[in-house]
Amino acid sequence: MTAALISSAAAFAAEPVSMVQNQFDQVKVFPNPWRADRNASPLVTIDAIPTNSTVKIYTTSGHWVKTLPVNGTQALWDLTNDHGDKVASGIYMYVITANSDKKVGKIAVIR
């Protein structure tokens, strides 16, 4: 039985794998981490967003921080919450939604 498993695994490994490009493959977030001592501008850019997307920022505990306006294929976060208050140092999650697909990532803020 072991020889059959090895033979089966070798045949599977030899099959070509086709990569399907995801609509979020090109998304970039910069600067990340954002550091007050290294970044003069208080902006984080989320770039190469699919058209007709929404971008929301959350804390790691799941609390909504802000919904970002998307301009073309880019969204800028000014490191404030929905009330205009500066966010604290920490890790934040971004969620990009396009159609029924989602991409989740992290942004670090060091004040």
C-alpha atoms as a PDB file:
ATOM      1  CA  MET A   1       0.000   0.000   0.000  1.00  0.00           C
ATOM      2  CA  THR A   2       2.879   2.400   0.693  1.00  0.00           C
ATOM      3  CA  ALA A   3       4.247   1.990  -2.840  1.00  0.00           C
ATOM      4  CA  ALA A   4       0.786   2.810  -4.237  1.00  0.00           C
ATOM      5  CA  LEU A   5       0.612   6.003  -2.151  1.00  0.00           C
ATOM      6  CA  ILE A   6       4.073   7.098  -3.259  1.00  0.00           C
ATOM      7  CA  SER A   7       3.232   6.371  -6.898  1.00  0.00           C
ATOM      8  CA  SER A   8      -0.045   8.276  -6.585  1.00  0.00           C
ATOM      9  CA  ALA A   9       1.673  11.251  -4.896  1.00  0.00           C
ATOM     10  CA  ALA A  10       4.384  11.344  -7.572  1.00  0.00           C
ATOM     11  CA  ALA A  11       1.776  11.353 -10.355  1.00  0.00           C
ATOM     12  CA  PHE A  12      -0.127  14.161  -8.611  1.00  0.00           C
ATOM     13  CA  ALA A  13       3.037  16.236  -8.147  1.00  0.00           C
ATOM     14  CA  ALA A  14       3.886  15.905 -11.844  1.00  0.00           C
ATOM     15  CA  GLU A  15       0.584  17.480 -12.952  1.00  0.00           C
ATOM     16  CA  PRO A  16       0.904  21.119 -14.016  1.00  0.00           C
ATOM     17  CA  VAL A  17      -0.690  23.669 -11.737  1.00  0.00           C
ATOM     18  CA  SER A  18      -2.413  26.621 -13.338  1.00  0.00           C
ATOM     19  CA  MET A  19      -2.436  29.830 -11.353  1.00  0.00           C
ATOM     20  CA  VAL A  20      -5.640  31.833 -11.533  1.00  0.00           C
ATOM     21  CA  GLN A  21      -5.008  35.511 -10.988  1.00  0.00           C
ATOM     22  CA  ASN A  22      -7.041  36.925  -8.160  1.00  0.00           C
ATOM     23  CA  GLN A  23      -8.442  40.435  -8.514  1.00  0.00           C
ATOM     24  CA  PHE A  24      -6.596  41.358  -5.313  1.00  0.00           C
ATOM     25  CA  ASP A  25      -3.151  40.038  -6.375  1.00  0.00           C
ATOM     26  CA  GLN A  26      -1.784  43.497  -7.147  1.00  0.00           C
ATOM     27  CA  VAL A  27      -3.029  45.276  -3.987  1.00  0.00           C
ATOM     28  CA  LYS A  28      -0.238  47.100  -2.148  1.00  0.00           C
ATOM     29  CA  VAL A  29      -0.339  48.924   1.174  1.00  0.00           C
ATOM     30  CA  PHE A  30       2.363  51.473   1.954  1.00  0.00           C
ATOM     31  CA  PRO A  31       4.033  52.570   4.089  1.00  0.00           C
ATOM     32  CA  ASN A  32       3.464  49.546   6.238  1.00  0.00           C
ATOM     33  CA  PRO A  33       4.313  49.840   9.016  1.00  0.00           C
ATOM     34  CA  TRP A  34       3.552  53.532   9.242  1.00  0.00           C
ATOM     35  CA  ARG A  35       5.969  55.094  11.737  1.00  0.00           C
ATOM     36  CA  ALA A  36       5.752  58.642  13.052  1.00  0.00           C
ATOM     37  CA  ASP A  37       9.548  58.914  13.220  1.00  0.00           C
ATOM     38  CA  ARG A  38       9.993  57.900   9.556  1.00  0.00           C
ATOM     39  CA  ASN A  39       6.922  59.175   7.719  1.00  0.00           C
ATOM     40  CA  ALA A  40       6.272  62.899   7.397  1.00  0.00           C
ATOM     41  CA  SER A  41       2.858  62.346   5.836  1.00  0.00           C
ATOM     42  CA  PRO A  42       0.131  60.823   8.012  1.00  0.00           C
ATOM     43  CA  LEU A  43      -1.251  58.832   5.071  1.00  0.00           C
ATOM     44  CA  VAL A  44      -1.320  55.127   4.313  1.00  0.00           C
ATOM     45  CA  THR A  45      -2.011  54.268   0.673  1.00  0.00           C
ATOM     46  CA  ILE A  46      -3.926  51.186  -0.389  1.00  0.00           C
ATOM     47  CA  ASP A  47      -3.205  50.853  -4.101  1.00  0.00           C
ATOM     48  CA  ALA A  48      -4.352  48.699  -7.038  1.00  0.00           C
ATOM     49  CA  ILE A  49      -7.822  48.209  -5.608  1.00  0.00           C
ATOM     50  CA  PRO A  50     -10.350  46.683  -8.028  1.00  0.00           C
ATOM     51  CA  THR A  51     -12.925  49.139  -9.344  1.00  0.00           C
ATOM     52  CA  ASN A  52     -16.214  49.462  -7.448  1.00  0.00           C
ATOM     53  CA  SER A  53     -14.625  48.270  -4.199  1.00  0.00           C
ATOM     54  CA  THR A  54     -15.192  49.327  -0.630  1.00  0.00           C
ATOM     55  CA  VAL A  55     -12.372  49.602   1.915  1.00  0.00           C
ATOM     56  CA  LYS A  56     -13.044  49.433   5.631  1.00  0.00           C
ATOM     57  CA  ILE A  57     -10.589  49.667   8.530  1.00  0.00           C
ATOM     58  CA  TYR A  58     -11.123  47.695  11.755  1.00  0.00           C
ATOM     59  CA  THR A  59      -9.280  47.151  15.009  1.00  0.00           C
ATOM     60  CA  THR A  60      -7.981  43.642  15.628  1.00  0.00           C
ATOM     61  CA  SER A  61     -10.879  43.166  18.052  1.00  0.00           C
ATOM     62  CA  GLY A  62     -13.286  43.755  15.171  1.00  0.00           C
ATOM     63  CA  HIS A  63     -14.452  47.285  15.932  1.00  0.00           C
ATOM     64  CA  TRP A  64     -15.105  49.381  12.846  1.00  0.00           C
ATOM     65  CA  VAL A  65     -12.760  52.378  12.616  1.00  0.00           C
ATOM     66  CA  LYS A  66     -13.474  54.002   9.257  1.00  0.00           C
ATOM     67  CA  THR A  67     -14.737  53.415   5.716  1.00  0.00           C
ATOM     68  CA  LEU A  68     -12.291  54.878   3.218  1.00  0.00           C
ATOM     69  CA  PRO A  69     -13.325  56.646   0.043  1.00  0.00           C
ATOM     70  CA  VAL A  70     -11.939  54.897  -3.033  1.00  0.00           C
ATOM     71  CA  ASN A  71     -10.632  57.183  -5.772  1.00  0.00           C
ATOM     72  CA  GLY A  72     -10.188  55.096  -8.914  1.00  0.00           C
ATOM     73  CA  THR A  73      -7.993  52.222  -7.778  1.00  0.00           C
ATOM     74  CA  GLN A  74      -6.600  53.865  -4.644  1.00  0.00           C
ATOM     75  CA  ALA A  75      -7.716  54.636  -1.104  1.00  0.00           C
ATOM     76  CA  LEU A  76      -5.898  56.872   1.372  1.00  0.00           C
ATOM     77  CA  TRP A  77      -6.172  56.469   5.121  1.00  0.00           C
ATOM     78  CA  ASP A  78      -5.259  59.537   7.143  1.00  0.00           C
ATOM     79  CA  LEU A  79      -4.861  57.429  10.309  1.00  0.00           C
ATOM     80  CA  THR A  80      -8.038  58.814  11.818  1.00  0.00           C
ATOM     81  CA  ASN A  81     -11.268  57.148  12.843  1.00  0.00           C
ATOM     82  CA  ASP A  82     -14.719  58.064  11.537  1.00  0.00           C
ATOM     83  CA  HIS A  83     -14.938  60.971  14.027  1.00  0.00           C
ATOM     84  CA  GLY A  84     -11.646  62.474  12.818  1.00  0.00           C
ATOM     85  CA  ASP A  85      -9.660  61.445  15.917  1.00  0.00           C
ATOM     86  CA  LYS A  86      -6.120  60.080  15.438  1.00  0.00           C
ATOM     87  CA  VAL A  87      -5.933  56.331  15.911  1.00  0.00           C
ATOM     88  CA  ALA A  88      -3.587  54.889  18.513  1.00  0.00           C
ATOM     89  CA  SER A  89      -0.497  52.804  17.798  1.00  0.00           C
ATOM     90  CA  GLY A  90      -1.452  49.249  16.977  1.00  0.00           C
ATOM     91  CA  ILE A  91      -2.383  46.750  14.332  1.00  0.00           C
ATOM     92  CA  TYR A  92      -5.406  47.507  12.174  1.00  0.00           C
ATOM     93  CA  MET A  93      -7.182  45.288   9.675  1.00  0.00           C
ATOM     94  CA  TYR A  94      -8.306  46.461   6.258  1.00  0.00           C
ATOM     95  CA  VAL A  95     -11.073  44.712   4.376  1.00  0.00           C
ATOM     96  CA  ILE A  96     -11.442  45.316   0.655  1.00  0.00           C
ATOM     97  CA  THR A  97     -14.729  44.102  -0.793  1.00  0.00           C
ATOM     98  CA  ALA A  98     -15.297  43.816  -4.545  1.00  0.00           C
ATOM     99  CA  ASN A  99     -18.427  42.046  -5.732  1.00  0.00           C
ATOM    100  CA  SER A 100     -18.620  38.996  -3.464  1.00  0.00           C
ATOM    101  CA  ASP A 101     -14.833  38.703  -2.955  1.00  0.00           C
ATOM    102  CA  LYS A 102     -12.882  40.014   0.025  1.00  0.00           C
ATOM    103  CA  LYS A 103      -9.265  40.634   0.884  1.00  0.00           C
ATOM    104  CA  VAL A 104      -8.179  41.117   4.469  1.00  0.00           C
ATOM    105  CA  GLY A 105      -4.791  42.501   5.466  1.00  0.00           C
ATOM    106  CA  LYS A 106      -2.970  44.241   8.302  1.00  0.00           C
ATOM    107  CA  ILE A 107      -1.626  47.765   8.734  1.00  0.00           C
ATOM    108  CA  ALA A 108       0.743  48.609  11.591  1.00  0.00           C
ATOM    109  CA  VAL A 109       0.695  52.106  13.076  1.00  0.00           C
ATOM    110  CA  ILE A 110       3.567  53.183  15.327  1.00  0.00           C
ATOM    111  CA  ARG A 111       3.156  56.677  16.776  1.00  0.00           C
END
